[in-house]
Amino acid sequence: MADQGVPHIHNDPGVPVIHVGSKEFMCIGATPPLDHPHVFIDMGYETEVVCSYCSTLFKYDPSLKANEARPAECLWHNSFATDPASR
């Protein structure tokens, strides 16, 4: 939920790599209600990390803004929970 500070990222598309613009984010696995426990990931000095729950590989891309991901549809927005048409 980029609008609340820490981006929440999901992998509904099933892509092998998600590029993120922040080294701190939450991996939720899939969109609710199929999400896994929300894992706070902090890459620290690293530029890539694998989620311990869903094994998604995340790579830091400094060309992206902190609240962006590539593919863009992997960024979860709070409106998804209340408005299914926004998916």
Protein backbone atom coordinates (compact mmCIF):
# COMPACT_ATOMS: atom_id res chain seq x y z
CA MET A 1 0.00 0.00 0.00
CA ALA A 2 2.21 2.69 -1.30
CA ASP A 3 -0.12 5.39 0.00
CA GLN A 4 0.62 4.31 3.60
CA GLY A 5 4.39 4.36 3.47
CA VAL A 6 5.62 0.78 3.14
CA PRO A 7 4.79 -0.71 -0.27
CA HIS A 8 2.95 -4.03 -0.24
CA ILE A 9 3.90 -6.32 -3.11
CA HIS A 10 2.10 -9.43 -4.39
CA ASN A 11 2.88 -11.89 -7.17
CA ASP A 12 -0.52 -12.76 -8.60
CA PRO A 13 0.95 -12.70 -12.14
CA GLY A 14 3.44 -15.40 -11.12
CA VAL A 15 6.48 -13.59 -12.51
CA PRO A 16 9.94 -14.94 -11.64
CA VAL A 17 11.30 -11.50 -10.59
CA ILE A 18 9.69 -8.35 -9.23
CA HIS A 19 11.72 -5.16 -9.41
CA VAL A 20 11.07 -2.75 -6.54
CA GLY A 21 11.97 0.88 -5.95
CA SER A 22 12.32 0.49 -2.20
CA LYS A 23 14.62 -1.77 -0.23
CA GLU A 24 11.96 -1.97 2.51
CA PHE A 25 8.55 -3.41 1.64
CA MET A 26 5.98 -6.04 2.58
CA CYS A 27 5.60 -9.22 0.56
CA ILE A 28 2.03 -10.48 0.82
CA GLY A 29 2.39 -13.34 -1.68
CA ALA A 30 -0.95 -12.91 -3.45
CA THR A 31 -3.85 -10.54 -3.17
CA PRO A 32 -6.16 -11.18 -0.21
CA PRO A 33 -7.73 -13.53 0.69
CA LEU A 34 -5.04 -15.75 -0.87
CA ASP A 35 -2.16 -13.86 0.74
CA HIS A 36 0.49 -15.43 2.93
CA PRO A 37 1.55 -13.87 6.24
CA HIS A 38 2.75 -10.38 5.42
CA VAL A 39 6.55 -10.40 5.58
CA PHE A 40 8.50 -7.19 6.13
CA ILE A 41 11.56 -7.35 3.92
CA ASP A 42 14.57 -5.10 4.41
CA MET A 43 17.31 -5.64 1.81
CA GLY A 44 19.86 -3.63 3.74
CA TYR A 45 23.00 -3.39 1.62
CA GLU A 46 21.86 -6.16 -0.75
CA THR A 47 20.16 -5.53 -4.09
CA GLU A 48 18.05 -8.68 -4.21
CA VAL A 49 16.22 -10.95 -1.81
CA VAL A 50 13.94 -14.00 -1.90
CA CYS A 51 10.71 -14.10 0.13
CA SER A 52 10.88 -16.93 2.66
CA TYR A 53 7.18 -17.77 2.16
CA CYS A 54 6.52 -17.60 -1.58
CA SER A 55 10.09 -17.70 -2.97
CA THR A 56 9.53 -14.62 -5.12
CA LEU A 57 12.80 -12.97 -6.10
CA PHE A 58 12.83 -9.21 -5.55
CA LYS A 59 15.46 -6.99 -7.14
CA TYR A 60 16.06 -3.37 -6.19
CA ASP A 61 15.87 -0.96 -9.12
CA PRO A 62 16.97 2.58 -8.20
CA SER A 63 15.29 3.94 -11.35
CA LEU A 64 11.89 3.15 -9.78
CA LYS A 65 10.28 5.42 -7.22
CA ALA A 66 9.98 4.05 -3.67
CA ASN A 67 6.29 3.25 -4.20
CA GLU A 68 6.73 1.57 -7.60
CA ALA A 69 7.23 -2.00 -8.76
CA ARG A 70 7.79 -3.66 -12.10
CA PRO A 71 5.53 -5.21 -13.18
CA ALA A 72 3.32 -2.41 -11.86
CA GLU A 73 0.37 -4.74 -11.24
CA CYS A 74 2.37 -6.39 -8.44
CA LEU A 75 1.91 -3.32 -6.22
CA TRP A 76 -1.06 -3.90 -3.91
CA HIS A 77 -3.37 -0.97 -3.25
CA ASN A 78 -5.71 -0.70 -0.27
CA SER A 79 -8.62 0.00 -2.63
CA PHE A 80 -8.34 -3.63 -3.80
CA ALA A 81 -9.76 -4.76 -0.47
CA THR A 82 -12.86 -2.60 -0.73
CA ASP A 83 -13.40 -2.27 -4.50
CA PRO A 84 -12.91 -5.47 -6.53
CA ALA A 85 -13.49 -3.48 -9.73
CA SER A 86 -10.18 -1.66 -9.15
CA ARG A 87 -8.17 -4.88 -9.72
